[in-house]
Amino acid sequence: MQSDYHRMMAILEFTPEQLEKFKKAIADRHRENDAWYETAEGKQYRELKQQMAAARSARNRETITRLEPQLAELEAKREEMRAELRRRFMASGALTLDQQKQWAGYVMYTGIMRRLRDVQLTEQQSAEVQRMCYEAAAAAVRRDTWKTDPYLKLPAETEQTMEKIKEKVLTPEQRPAVLPADKSATRGIRK
């Protein structure tokens, strides 16, 4: 599975200097992420994940029910740690404002296309969906958007754009096939 950072390197255009800075910021982020797993919380998280996998494999409902709240608490802490690392990555200046806008457009487009996966889009409709996503993201992303939305997911703007797509791009026959929004519909894949 490709990480967001690998996708960024493939999608965004970097000068050689930017690419060096970008790779250094990624290496720093990975180092900090790996260090978390060596903390008491990180070790406990790994242990609980292993216990949960074993319980699921054995279909042990009692153990699963007992572990779920503990694991959920640690997963929330892990996600906050990862969001903070992403904020630091974005604060490092690894991406220009234009690159942030382009990335947010990509994240929005892929999220919306997941919701449209059961809709038979024409090439023209697909191109229009892509254009609308990139335009909406470009209009929404500001220099400090990453402070509150470090993954540049733009959930409110994504929903507004989805509504516009339903109204202006899709036919009445296509609209019922649109999948509802959920966590996976608007997020970039993070690793």
N, C-alpha and C. Protein backbone atom coordinates (compact mmCIF):
# COMPACT_ATOMS: atom_id res chain seq x y z
N MET A 1 0.84 -1.17 0.00
CA MET A 1 0.00 0.00 0.00
C MET A 1 0.89 1.24 0.00
N GLN A 2 0.56 2.18 -0.85
CA GLN A 2 1.33 3.40 -0.96
C GLN A 2 0.90 4.40 0.10
N SER A 3 1.84 5.08 0.73
CA SER A 3 1.51 6.09 1.73
C SER A 3 1.14 7.40 1.05
N ASP A 4 0.53 8.28 1.84
CA ASP A 4 0.22 9.63 1.34
C ASP A 4 1.48 10.28 0.79
N TYR A 5 2.60 10.10 1.48
CA TYR A 5 3.83 10.77 1.09
C TYR A 5 4.34 10.28 -0.26
N HIS A 6 4.21 8.98 -0.51
CA HIS A 6 4.59 8.46 -1.82
C HIS A 6 3.66 9.01 -2.91
N ARG A 7 2.38 9.10 -2.59
CA ARG A 7 1.43 9.68 -3.56
C ARG A 7 1.77 11.15 -3.82
N MET A 8 2.11 11.87 -2.76
CA MET A 8 2.48 13.28 -2.93
C MET A 8 3.66 13.40 -3.88
N MET A 9 4.66 12.54 -3.69
CA MET A 9 5.85 12.61 -4.54
C MET A 9 5.48 12.31 -5.99
N ALA A 10 4.50 11.45 -6.21
CA ALA A 10 4.10 11.10 -7.57
C ALA A 10 3.22 12.17 -8.21
N ILE A 11 2.41 12.84 -7.40
CA ILE A 11 1.41 13.77 -7.93
C ILE A 11 1.91 15.21 -8.00
N LEU A 12 2.62 15.64 -6.97
CA LEU A 12 3.05 17.03 -6.88
C LEU A 12 4.41 17.21 -7.56
N GLU A 13 4.59 18.38 -8.13
CA GLU A 13 5.88 18.68 -8.76
C GLU A 13 6.78 19.37 -7.74
N PHE A 14 7.98 18.85 -7.59
CA PHE A 14 8.94 19.39 -6.65
C PHE A 14 10.20 19.82 -7.38
N THR A 15 10.78 20.92 -6.92
CA THR A 15 12.13 21.25 -7.37
C THR A 15 13.06 20.29 -6.64
N PRO A 16 14.30 20.13 -7.10
CA PRO A 16 15.22 19.23 -6.39
C PRO A 16 15.40 19.64 -4.92
N GLU A 17 15.45 20.95 -4.65
CA GLU A 17 15.61 21.43 -3.28
C GLU A 17 14.39 21.09 -2.44
N GLN A 18 13.20 21.30 -3.02
CA GLN A 18 11.96 20.96 -2.32
C GLN A 18 11.89 19.47 -2.02
N LEU A 19 12.26 18.66 -2.99
CA LEU A 19 12.20 17.22 -2.82
C LEU A 19 13.12 16.78 -1.68
N GLU A 20 14.29 17.38 -1.59
CA GLU A 20 15.21 17.05 -0.50
C GLU A 20 14.59 17.42 0.85
N LYS A 21 14.02 18.62 0.93
CA LYS A 21 13.36 19.08 2.16
C LYS A 21 12.18 18.18 2.51
N PHE A 22 11.41 17.80 1.49
CA PHE A 22 10.25 16.93 1.66
C PHE A 22 10.68 15.58 2.23
N LYS A 23 11.70 14.99 1.63
CA LYS A 23 12.18 13.68 2.09
C LYS A 23 12.72 13.75 3.51
N LYS A 24 13.39 14.85 3.86
CA LYS A 24 13.89 15.01 5.23
C LYS A 24 12.73 15.11 6.20
N ALA A 25 11.70 15.87 5.85
CA ALA A 25 10.52 16.01 6.72
C ALA A 25 9.82 14.66 6.91
N ILE A 26 9.75 13.87 5.85
CA ILE A 26 9.15 12.53 5.95
C ILE A 26 9.98 11.65 6.88
N ALA A 27 11.29 11.67 6.70
CA ALA A 27 12.17 10.85 7.55
C ALA A 27 12.03 11.24 9.01
N ASP A 28 11.95 12.55 9.29
CA ASP A 28 11.77 13.03 10.66
C ASP A 28 10.44 12.52 11.22
N ARG A 29 9.39 12.60 10.42
CA ARG A 29 8.07 12.15 10.85
C ARG A 29 8.08 10.66 11.15
N HIS A 30 8.68 9.88 10.28
CA HIS A 30 8.74 8.43 10.49
C HIS A 30 9.52 8.09 11.77
N ARG A 31 10.60 8.82 12.00
CA ARG A 31 11.41 8.59 13.20
C ARG A 31 10.57 8.85 14.46
N GLU A 32 9.84 9.96 14.46
CA GLU A 32 9.01 10.30 15.62
C GLU A 32 7.86 9.30 15.78
N ASN A 33 7.27 8.88 14.67
CA ASN A 33 6.19 7.90 14.72
C ASN A 33 6.72 6.58 15.32
N ASP A 34 7.87 6.13 14.83
CA ASP A 34 8.46 4.89 15.34
C ASP A 34 8.79 5.01 16.83
N ALA A 35 9.23 6.18 17.26
CA ALA A 35 9.58 6.38 18.67
C ALA A 35 8.35 6.22 19.56
N TRP A 36 7.17 6.61 19.08
CA TRP A 36 5.95 6.47 19.88
C TRP A 36 5.70 5.00 20.22
N TYR A 37 5.99 4.12 19.30
CA TYR A 37 5.75 2.69 19.54
C TYR A 37 6.69 2.11 20.58
N GLU A 38 7.73 2.85 20.94
CA GLU A 38 8.66 2.41 21.98
C GLU A 38 8.27 2.98 23.34
N THR A 39 7.27 3.86 23.39
CA THR A 39 6.78 4.38 24.66
C THR A 39 5.89 3.33 25.32
N ALA A 40 5.53 3.57 26.58
CA ALA A 40 4.64 2.64 27.28
C ALA A 40 3.30 2.51 26.54
N GLU A 41 2.75 3.65 26.10
CA GLU A 41 1.48 3.60 25.36
C GLU A 41 1.62 2.85 24.05
N GLY A 42 2.71 3.08 23.35
CA GLY A 42 2.93 2.41 22.08
C GLY A 42 3.07 0.91 22.23
N LYS A 43 3.80 0.50 23.26
CA LYS A 43 3.96 -0.94 23.52
C LYS A 43 2.62 -1.56 23.93
N GLN A 44 1.86 -0.84 24.75
CA GLN A 44 0.55 -1.34 25.16
C GLN A 44 -0.38 -1.44 23.95
N TYR A 45 -0.30 -0.46 23.06
CA TYR A 45 -1.12 -0.47 21.84
C TYR A 45 -0.81 -1.72 21.01
N ARG A 46 0.46 -1.98 20.79
CA ARG A 46 0.85 -3.17 20.00
C ARG A 46 0.36 -4.46 20.65
N GLU A 47 0.52 -4.54 21.97
CA GLU A 47 0.09 -5.74 22.69
C GLU A 47 -1.42 -5.93 22.57
N LEU A 48 -2.17 -4.85 22.76
CA LEU A 48 -3.63 -4.95 22.64
C LEU A 48 -4.06 -5.31 21.22
N LYS A 49 -3.36 -4.77 20.22
CA LYS A 49 -3.68 -5.13 18.82
C LYS A 49 -3.48 -6.62 18.60
N GLN A 50 -2.40 -7.18 19.15
CA GLN A 50 -2.14 -8.61 19.01
C GLN A 50 -3.21 -9.43 19.74
N GLN A 51 -3.57 -9.00 20.95
CA GLN A 51 -4.60 -9.71 21.69
C GLN A 51 -5.94 -9.65 20.96
N MET A 52 -6.25 -8.49 20.39
CA MET A 52 -7.51 -8.33 19.66
C MET A 52 -7.52 -9.22 18.42
N ALA A 53 -6.42 -9.28 17.71
CA ALA A 53 -6.35 -10.14 16.52
C ALA A 53 -6.56 -11.60 16.91
N ALA A 54 -5.95 -12.02 18.01
CA ALA A 54 -6.11 -13.40 18.46
C ALA A 54 -7.56 -13.66 18.88
N ALA A 55 -8.16 -12.70 19.57
CA ALA A 55 -9.55 -12.86 20.01
C ALA A 55 -10.50 -12.92 18.81
N ARG A 56 -10.25 -12.10 17.82
CA ARG A 56 -11.10 -12.13 16.62
C ARG A 56 -10.92 -13.45 15.87
N SER A 57 -9.70 -13.90 15.78
CA SER A 57 -9.43 -15.16 15.10
C SER A 57 -10.14 -16.32 15.80
N ALA A 58 -10.15 -16.28 17.14
CA ALA A 58 -10.81 -17.32 17.93
C ALA A 58 -12.31 -17.04 18.08
N ARG A 59 -12.75 -15.90 17.57
CA ARG A 59 -14.16 -15.47 17.70
C ARG A 59 -14.60 -15.44 19.17
N ASN A 60 -13.70 -14.92 19.99
CA ASN A 60 -13.95 -14.83 21.42
C ASN A 60 -14.60 -13.48 21.71
N ARG A 61 -15.91 -13.45 21.68
CA ARG A 61 -16.68 -12.21 21.83
C ARG A 61 -16.42 -11.53 23.18
N GLU A 62 -16.29 -12.31 24.23
CA GLU A 62 -16.07 -11.75 25.56
C GLU A 62 -14.75 -10.96 25.62
N THR A 63 -13.69 -11.53 25.09
CA THR A 63 -12.39 -10.85 25.08
C THR A 63 -12.43 -9.63 24.17
N ILE A 64 -13.07 -9.76 23.03
CA ILE A 64 -13.19 -8.62 22.11
C ILE A 64 -13.89 -7.47 22.80
N THR A 65 -15.00 -7.76 23.47
CA THR A 65 -15.77 -6.73 24.16
C THR A 65 -14.95 -6.08 25.27
N ARG A 66 -14.14 -6.87 25.96
CA ARG A 66 -13.30 -6.34 27.04
C ARG A 66 -12.18 -5.45 26.49
N LEU A 67 -11.59 -5.85 25.36
CA LEU A 67 -10.45 -5.12 24.81
C LEU A 67 -10.84 -3.86 24.03
N GLU A 68 -12.03 -3.85 23.45
CA GLU A 68 -12.43 -2.74 22.57
C GLU A 68 -12.27 -1.36 23.20
N PRO A 69 -12.78 -1.12 24.43
CA PRO A 69 -12.62 0.24 24.98
C PRO A 69 -11.16 0.62 25.24
N GLN A 70 -10.36 -0.34 25.69
CA GLN A 70 -8.94 -0.05 25.93
C GLN A 70 -8.24 0.29 24.62
N LEU A 71 -8.52 -0.50 23.61
CA LEU A 71 -7.90 -0.28 22.31
C LEU A 71 -8.38 1.03 21.69
N ALA A 72 -9.66 1.33 21.84
CA ALA A 72 -10.21 2.57 21.29
C ALA A 72 -9.52 3.79 21.91
N GLU A 73 -9.28 3.74 23.20
CA GLU A 73 -8.61 4.85 23.88
C GLU A 73 -7.19 5.04 23.34
N LEU A 74 -6.47 3.95 23.19
CA LEU A 74 -5.10 4.04 22.67
C LEU A 74 -5.09 4.42 21.19
N GLU A 75 -6.06 3.96 20.44
CA GLU A 75 -6.13 4.35 19.02
C GLU A 75 -6.40 5.84 18.89
N ALA A 76 -7.23 6.40 19.77
CA ALA A 76 -7.48 7.84 19.75
C ALA A 76 -6.19 8.60 20.05
N LYS A 77 -5.42 8.14 21.02
CA LYS A 77 -4.14 8.78 21.35
C LYS A 77 -3.17 8.66 20.18
N ARG A 78 -3.15 7.49 19.56
CA ARG A 78 -2.27 7.26 18.41
C ARG A 78 -2.65 8.18 17.26
N GLU A 79 -3.93 8.31 16.99
CA GLU A 79 -4.37 9.19 15.89
C GLU A 79 -4.04 10.65 16.18
N GLU A 80 -4.18 11.07 17.44
CA GLU A 80 -3.82 12.44 17.78
C GLU A 80 -2.32 12.66 17.61
N MET A 81 -1.52 11.67 18.01
CA MET A 81 -0.07 11.76 17.82
C MET A 81 0.24 11.87 16.33
N ARG A 82 -0.42 11.06 15.51
CA ARG A 82 -0.17 11.09 14.07
C ARG A 82 -0.61 12.43 13.46
N ALA A 83 -1.74 12.97 13.94
CA ALA A 83 -2.19 14.27 13.45
C ALA A 83 -1.19 15.36 13.83
N GLU A 84 -0.66 15.27 15.04
CA GLU A 84 0.35 16.26 15.47
C GLU A 84 1.61 16.14 14.62
N LEU A 85 2.02 14.92 14.31
CA LEU A 85 3.19 14.74 13.44
C LEU A 85 2.90 15.31 12.05
N ARG A 86 1.68 15.14 11.58
CA ARG A 86 1.31 15.67 10.26
C ARG A 86 1.32 17.21 10.30
N ARG A 87 0.84 17.79 11.43
CA ARG A 87 0.88 19.25 11.56
C ARG A 87 2.33 19.74 11.49
N ARG A 88 3.22 19.06 12.20
CA ARG A 88 4.63 19.45 12.17
C ARG A 88 5.22 19.30 10.77
N PHE A 89 4.82 18.23 10.09
CA PHE A 89 5.28 18.02 8.72
C PHE A 89 4.82 19.19 7.85
N MET A 90 3.56 19.57 7.97
CA MET A 90 3.04 20.67 7.16
C MET A 90 3.69 21.99 7.57
N ALA A 91 3.96 22.17 8.85
CA ALA A 91 4.59 23.41 9.33
C ALA A 91 6.03 23.52 8.85
N SER A 92 6.64 22.40 8.50
CA SER A 92 8.03 22.41 8.07
C SER A 92 8.21 23.12 6.73
N GLY A 93 7.11 23.40 6.05
CA GLY A 93 7.20 24.04 4.74
C GLY A 93 7.54 23.07 3.64
N ALA A 94 7.32 21.79 3.91
CA ALA A 94 7.63 20.77 2.90
C ALA A 94 6.76 20.92 1.66
N LEU A 95 5.55 21.49 1.83
CA LEU A 95 4.66 21.73 0.70
C LEU A 95 4.36 23.22 0.59
N THR A 96 4.39 23.74 -0.61
CA THR A 96 3.99 25.13 -0.83
C THR A 96 2.47 25.21 -0.72
N LEU A 97 1.94 26.42 -0.66
CA LEU A 97 0.49 26.59 -0.61
C LEU A 97 -0.17 25.99 -1.85
N ASP A 98 0.41 26.20 -3.01
CA ASP A 98 -0.16 25.61 -4.23
C ASP A 98 -0.15 24.09 -4.17
N GLN A 99 0.90 23.51 -3.62
CA GLN A 99 0.96 22.06 -3.49
C GLN A 99 -0.07 21.55 -2.48
N GLN A 100 -0.27 22.31 -1.41
CA GLN A 100 -1.30 21.94 -0.44
C GLN A 100 -2.68 21.94 -1.10
N LYS A 101 -2.94 22.95 -1.92
CA LYS A 101 -4.23 23.02 -2.62
C LYS A 101 -4.39 21.85 -3.58
N GLN A 102 -3.33 21.53 -4.29
CA GLN A 102 -3.38 20.42 -5.24
C GLN A 102 -3.60 19.10 -4.48
N TRP A 103 -2.91 18.92 -3.37
CA TRP A 103 -3.08 17.70 -2.59
C TRP A 103 -4.50 17.61 -2.03
N ALA A 104 -5.02 18.71 -1.50
CA ALA A 104 -6.39 18.70 -0.97
C ALA A 104 -7.38 18.35 -2.08
N GLY A 105 -7.14 18.84 -3.29
CA GLY A 105 -8.00 18.48 -4.42
C GLY A 105 -7.95 16.99 -4.71
N TYR A 106 -6.76 16.43 -4.66
CA TYR A 106 -6.61 14.99 -4.88
C TYR A 106 -7.35 14.20 -3.80
N VAL A 107 -7.18 14.60 -2.53
CA VAL A 107 -7.85 13.91 -1.42
C VAL A 107 -9.36 13.99 -1.58
N MET A 108 -9.86 15.18 -1.92
CA MET A 108 -11.30 15.35 -2.11
C MET A 108 -11.79 14.50 -3.28
N TYR A 109 -11.08 14.55 -4.38
CA TYR A 109 -11.48 13.81 -5.57
C TYR A 109 -11.51 12.30 -5.31
N THR A 110 -10.47 11.77 -4.68
CA THR A 110 -10.46 10.32 -4.43
C THR A 110 -11.56 9.92 -3.45
N GLY A 111 -11.82 10.76 -2.46
CA GLY A 111 -12.90 10.47 -1.51
C GLY A 111 -14.26 10.48 -2.18
N ILE A 112 -14.49 11.47 -3.02
CA ILE A 112 -15.77 11.55 -3.72
C ILE A 112 -15.90 10.41 -4.72
N MET A 113 -14.83 10.07 -5.40
CA MET A 113 -14.91 8.96 -6.36
C MET A 113 -15.20 7.63 -5.66
N ARG A 114 -14.75 7.48 -4.41
CA ARG A 114 -15.12 6.27 -3.65
C ARG A 114 -16.63 6.22 -3.45
N ARG A 115 -17.21 7.37 -3.19
CA ARG A 115 -18.67 7.42 -3.00
C ARG A 115 -19.42 7.22 -4.31
N LEU A 116 -18.75 7.49 -5.42
CA LEU A 116 -19.38 7.35 -6.73
C LEU A 116 -19.02 6.03 -7.41
N ARG A 117 -18.39 5.12 -6.68
CA ARG A 117 -17.90 3.90 -7.32
C ARG A 117 -19.00 3.04 -7.93
N ASP A 118 -20.23 3.16 -7.45
CA ASP A 118 -21.33 2.38 -8.03
C ASP A 118 -22.08 3.14 -9.12
N VAL A 119 -21.63 4.35 -9.42
CA VAL A 119 -22.26 5.18 -10.45
C VAL A 119 -21.47 5.00 -11.75
N GLN A 120 -22.15 4.73 -12.83
CA GLN A 120 -21.50 4.61 -14.14
C GLN A 120 -21.33 6.02 -14.71
N LEU A 121 -20.16 6.61 -14.49
CA LEU A 121 -19.89 7.96 -14.97
C LEU A 121 -19.35 7.92 -16.40
N THR A 122 -19.73 8.92 -17.18
CA THR A 122 -19.13 9.08 -18.50
C THR A 122 -17.76 9.73 -18.30
N GLU A 123 -16.94 9.74 -19.34
CA GLU A 123 -15.63 10.41 -19.24
C GLU A 123 -15.82 11.88 -18.94
N GLN A 124 -16.82 12.48 -19.58
CA GLN A 124 -17.10 13.90 -19.36
C GLN A 124 -17.52 14.15 -17.91
N GLN A 125 -18.36 13.29 -17.36
CA GLN A 125 -18.77 13.45 -15.96
C GLN A 125 -17.57 13.28 -15.02
N SER A 126 -16.73 12.30 -15.28
CA SER A 126 -15.54 12.09 -14.44
C SER A 126 -14.63 13.31 -14.46
N ALA A 127 -14.43 13.86 -15.63
CA ALA A 127 -13.59 15.06 -15.76
C ALA A 127 -14.21 16.23 -15.01
N GLU A 128 -15.52 16.37 -15.08
CA GLU A 128 -16.21 17.46 -14.38
C GLU A 128 -16.11 17.28 -12.87
N VAL A 129 -16.25 16.06 -12.38
CA VAL A 129 -16.11 15.79 -10.95
C VAL A 129 -14.70 16.18 -10.49
N GLN A 130 -13.71 15.78 -11.25
CA GLN A 130 -12.33 16.10 -10.90
C GLN A 130 -12.12 17.61 -10.88
N ARG A 131 -12.59 18.31 -11.89
CA ARG A 131 -12.43 19.76 -11.96
C ARG A 131 -13.09 20.42 -10.75
N MET A 132 -14.31 20.00 -10.42
CA MET A 132 -15.03 20.60 -9.30
C MET A 132 -14.30 20.36 -7.97
N CYS A 133 -13.75 19.18 -7.80
CA CYS A 133 -13.03 18.87 -6.56
C CYS A 133 -11.78 19.73 -6.42
N TYR A 134 -11.01 19.82 -7.48
CA TYR A 134 -9.77 20.60 -7.42
C TYR A 134 -10.07 22.09 -7.23
N GLU A 135 -11.12 22.58 -7.87
CA GLU A 135 -11.49 23.99 -7.69
C GLU A 135 -11.97 24.26 -6.27
N ALA A 136 -12.80 23.39 -5.74
CA ALA A 136 -13.31 23.58 -4.37
C ALA A 136 -12.17 23.55 -3.36
N ALA A 137 -11.25 22.63 -3.54
CA ALA A 137 -10.11 22.53 -2.62
C ALA A 137 -9.22 23.76 -2.73
N ALA A 138 -8.97 24.21 -3.94
CA ALA A 138 -8.12 25.39 -4.13
C ALA A 138 -8.73 26.62 -3.46
N ALA A 139 -10.06 26.72 -3.52
CA ALA A 139 -10.73 27.86 -2.90
C ALA A 139 -10.73 27.75 -1.37
N ALA A 140 -10.72 26.54 -0.85
CA ALA A 140 -10.85 26.33 0.59
C ALA A 140 -9.53 26.38 1.35
N VAL A 141 -8.46 25.92 0.74
CA VAL A 141 -7.18 25.82 1.46
C VAL A 141 -6.53 27.19 1.57
N ARG A 142 -6.19 27.52 2.80
CA ARG A 142 -5.46 28.75 3.11
C ARG A 142 -4.09 28.36 3.65
N ARG A 143 -3.25 29.34 3.84
CA ARG A 143 -1.89 29.07 4.30
C ARG A 143 -1.86 28.27 5.61
N ASP A 144 -2.86 28.44 6.48
CA ASP A 144 -2.83 27.76 7.78
C ASP A 144 -3.91 26.70 7.94
N THR A 145 -4.53 26.26 6.86
CA THR A 145 -5.58 25.24 6.94
C THR A 145 -5.09 23.99 7.65
N TRP A 146 -3.85 23.62 7.40
CA TRP A 146 -3.28 22.41 7.99
C TRP A 146 -3.26 22.42 9.51
N LYS A 147 -3.34 23.61 10.13
CA LYS A 147 -3.29 23.67 11.60
C LYS A 147 -4.50 22.97 12.22
N THR A 148 -5.66 23.11 11.59
CA THR A 148 -6.87 22.47 12.11
C THR A 148 -7.26 21.23 11.31
N ASP A 149 -6.74 21.10 10.10
CA ASP A 149 -7.06 19.96 9.23
C ASP A 149 -5.75 19.45 8.62
N PRO A 150 -4.92 18.78 9.44
CA PRO A 150 -3.57 18.43 8.99
C PRO A 150 -3.51 17.49 7.79
N TYR A 151 -4.59 16.77 7.53
CA TYR A 151 -4.60 15.87 6.37
C TYR A 151 -5.26 16.52 5.16
N LEU A 152 -5.68 17.77 5.31
CA LEU A 152 -6.33 18.53 4.24
C LEU A 152 -7.51 17.76 3.65
N LYS A 153 -8.34 17.22 4.54
CA LYS A 153 -9.51 16.44 4.12
C LYS A 153 -10.69 17.32 3.74
N LEU A 154 -10.79 18.51 4.34
CA LEU A 154 -11.86 19.46 4.04
C LEU A 154 -13.25 18.81 4.08
N PRO A 155 -13.65 18.25 5.22
CA PRO A 155 -14.91 17.51 5.26
C PRO A 155 -16.14 18.34 4.87
N ALA A 156 -16.26 19.57 5.36
CA ALA A 156 -17.43 20.38 5.02
C ALA A 156 -17.44 20.71 3.53
N GLU A 157 -16.29 21.10 3.01
CA GLU A 157 -16.20 21.45 1.59
C GLU A 157 -16.44 20.22 0.71
N THR A 158 -16.00 19.05 1.18
CA THR A 158 -16.22 17.82 0.42
C THR A 158 -17.72 17.54 0.32
N GLU A 159 -18.44 17.70 1.42
CA GLU A 159 -19.89 17.46 1.38
C GLU A 159 -20.59 18.47 0.48
N GLN A 160 -20.19 19.73 0.57
CA GLN A 160 -20.79 20.75 -0.31
C GLN A 160 -20.52 20.43 -1.77
N THR A 161 -19.31 20.01 -2.06
CA THR A 161 -18.96 19.66 -3.44
C THR A 161 -19.74 18.44 -3.90
N MET A 162 -19.92 17.46 -3.01
CA MET A 162 -20.69 16.26 -3.37
C MET A 162 -22.12 16.65 -3.71
N GLU A 163 -22.70 17.56 -2.95
CA GLU A 163 -24.08 18.01 -3.24
C GLU A 163 -24.15 18.71 -4.59
N LYS A 164 -23.14 19.54 -4.89
CA LYS A 164 -23.11 20.21 -6.19
C LYS A 164 -22.96 19.20 -7.33
N ILE A 165 -22.15 18.19 -7.11
CA ILE A 165 -21.97 17.14 -8.13
C ILE A 165 -23.28 16.41 -8.37
N LYS A 166 -23.97 16.06 -7.29
CA LYS A 166 -25.27 15.38 -7.44
C LYS A 166 -26.22 16.24 -8.27
N GLU A 167 -26.22 17.53 -7.96
CA GLU A 167 -27.16 18.45 -8.60
C GLU A 167 -26.78 18.77 -10.05
N LYS A 168 -25.49 19.03 -10.30
CA LYS A 168 -25.08 19.56 -11.60
C LYS A 168 -24.47 18.54 -12.55
N VAL A 169 -23.95 17.43 -12.03
CA VAL A 169 -23.23 16.49 -12.89
C VAL A 169 -24.00 15.19 -13.09
N LEU A 170 -24.58 14.68 -12.02
CA LEU A 170 -25.26 13.39 -12.11
C LEU A 170 -26.68 13.52 -12.65
N THR A 171 -27.11 12.49 -13.32
CA THR A 171 -28.50 12.45 -13.79
C THR A 171 -29.37 11.99 -12.63
N PRO A 172 -30.67 12.25 -12.70
CA PRO A 172 -31.57 11.77 -11.64
C PRO A 172 -31.47 10.25 -11.44
N GLU A 173 -31.20 9.52 -12.51
CA GLU A 173 -31.09 8.06 -12.42
C GLU A 173 -29.82 7.63 -11.70
N GLN A 174 -28.77 8.44 -11.78
CA GLN A 174 -27.49 8.10 -11.15
C GLN A 174 -27.47 8.41 -9.65
N ARG A 175 -28.20 9.39 -9.22
CA ARG A 175 -28.12 9.88 -7.84
C ARG A 175 -28.36 8.81 -6.77
N PRO A 176 -29.31 7.90 -6.94
CA PRO A 176 -29.52 6.89 -5.88
C PRO A 176 -28.31 5.96 -5.65
N ALA A 177 -27.42 5.85 -6.62
CA ALA A 177 -26.26 4.96 -6.48
C ALA A 177 -25.11 5.59 -5.69
N VAL A 178 -25.23 6.87 -5.33
CA VAL A 178 -24.17 7.54 -4.57
C VAL A 178 -24.15 6.96 -3.15
N LEU A 179 -22.97 6.56 -2.72
CA LEU A 179 -22.82 6.00 -1.38
C LEU A 179 -22.82 7.12 -0.34
N PRO A 180 -23.33 6.86 0.85
CA PRO A 180 -23.35 7.89 1.89
C PRO A 180 -21.94 8.21 2.39
N ALA A 181 -21.82 9.39 2.95
CA ALA A 181 -20.53 9.80 3.52
C ALA A 181 -20.25 8.97 4.76
N ASP A 182 -19.03 8.59 4.93
CA ASP A 182 -18.57 7.95 6.15
C ASP A 182 -17.10 8.32 6.31
N LYS A 183 -16.47 7.81 7.32
CA LYS A 183 -15.08 8.20 7.59
C LYS A 183 -14.16 7.90 6.41
N SER A 184 -14.37 6.78 5.75
CA SER A 184 -13.46 6.42 4.67
C SER A 184 -13.72 7.20 3.39
N ALA A 185 -14.88 7.82 3.29
CA ALA A 185 -15.23 8.49 2.04
C ALA A 185 -14.45 9.77 1.81
N THR A 186 -14.05 10.45 2.87
CA THR A 186 -13.41 11.75 2.68
C THR A 186 -11.98 11.81 3.17
N ARG A 187 -11.42 10.71 3.54
CA ARG A 187 -10.05 10.79 4.05
C ARG A 187 -9.06 10.25 3.05
N GLY A 188 -7.88 10.83 3.11
CA GLY A 188 -6.77 10.27 2.35
C GLY A 188 -6.28 9.06 3.10
N ILE A 189 -5.66 8.17 2.42
CA ILE A 189 -5.14 6.99 3.09
C ILE A 189 -3.85 7.40 3.76
N ARG A 190 -3.77 7.17 5.05
CA ARG A 190 -2.62 7.66 5.82
C ARG A 190 -1.79 6.49 6.31
N LYS A 191 -0.53 6.62 6.11
CA LYS A 191 0.42 5.63 6.67
C LYS A 191 1.69 6.33 7.00
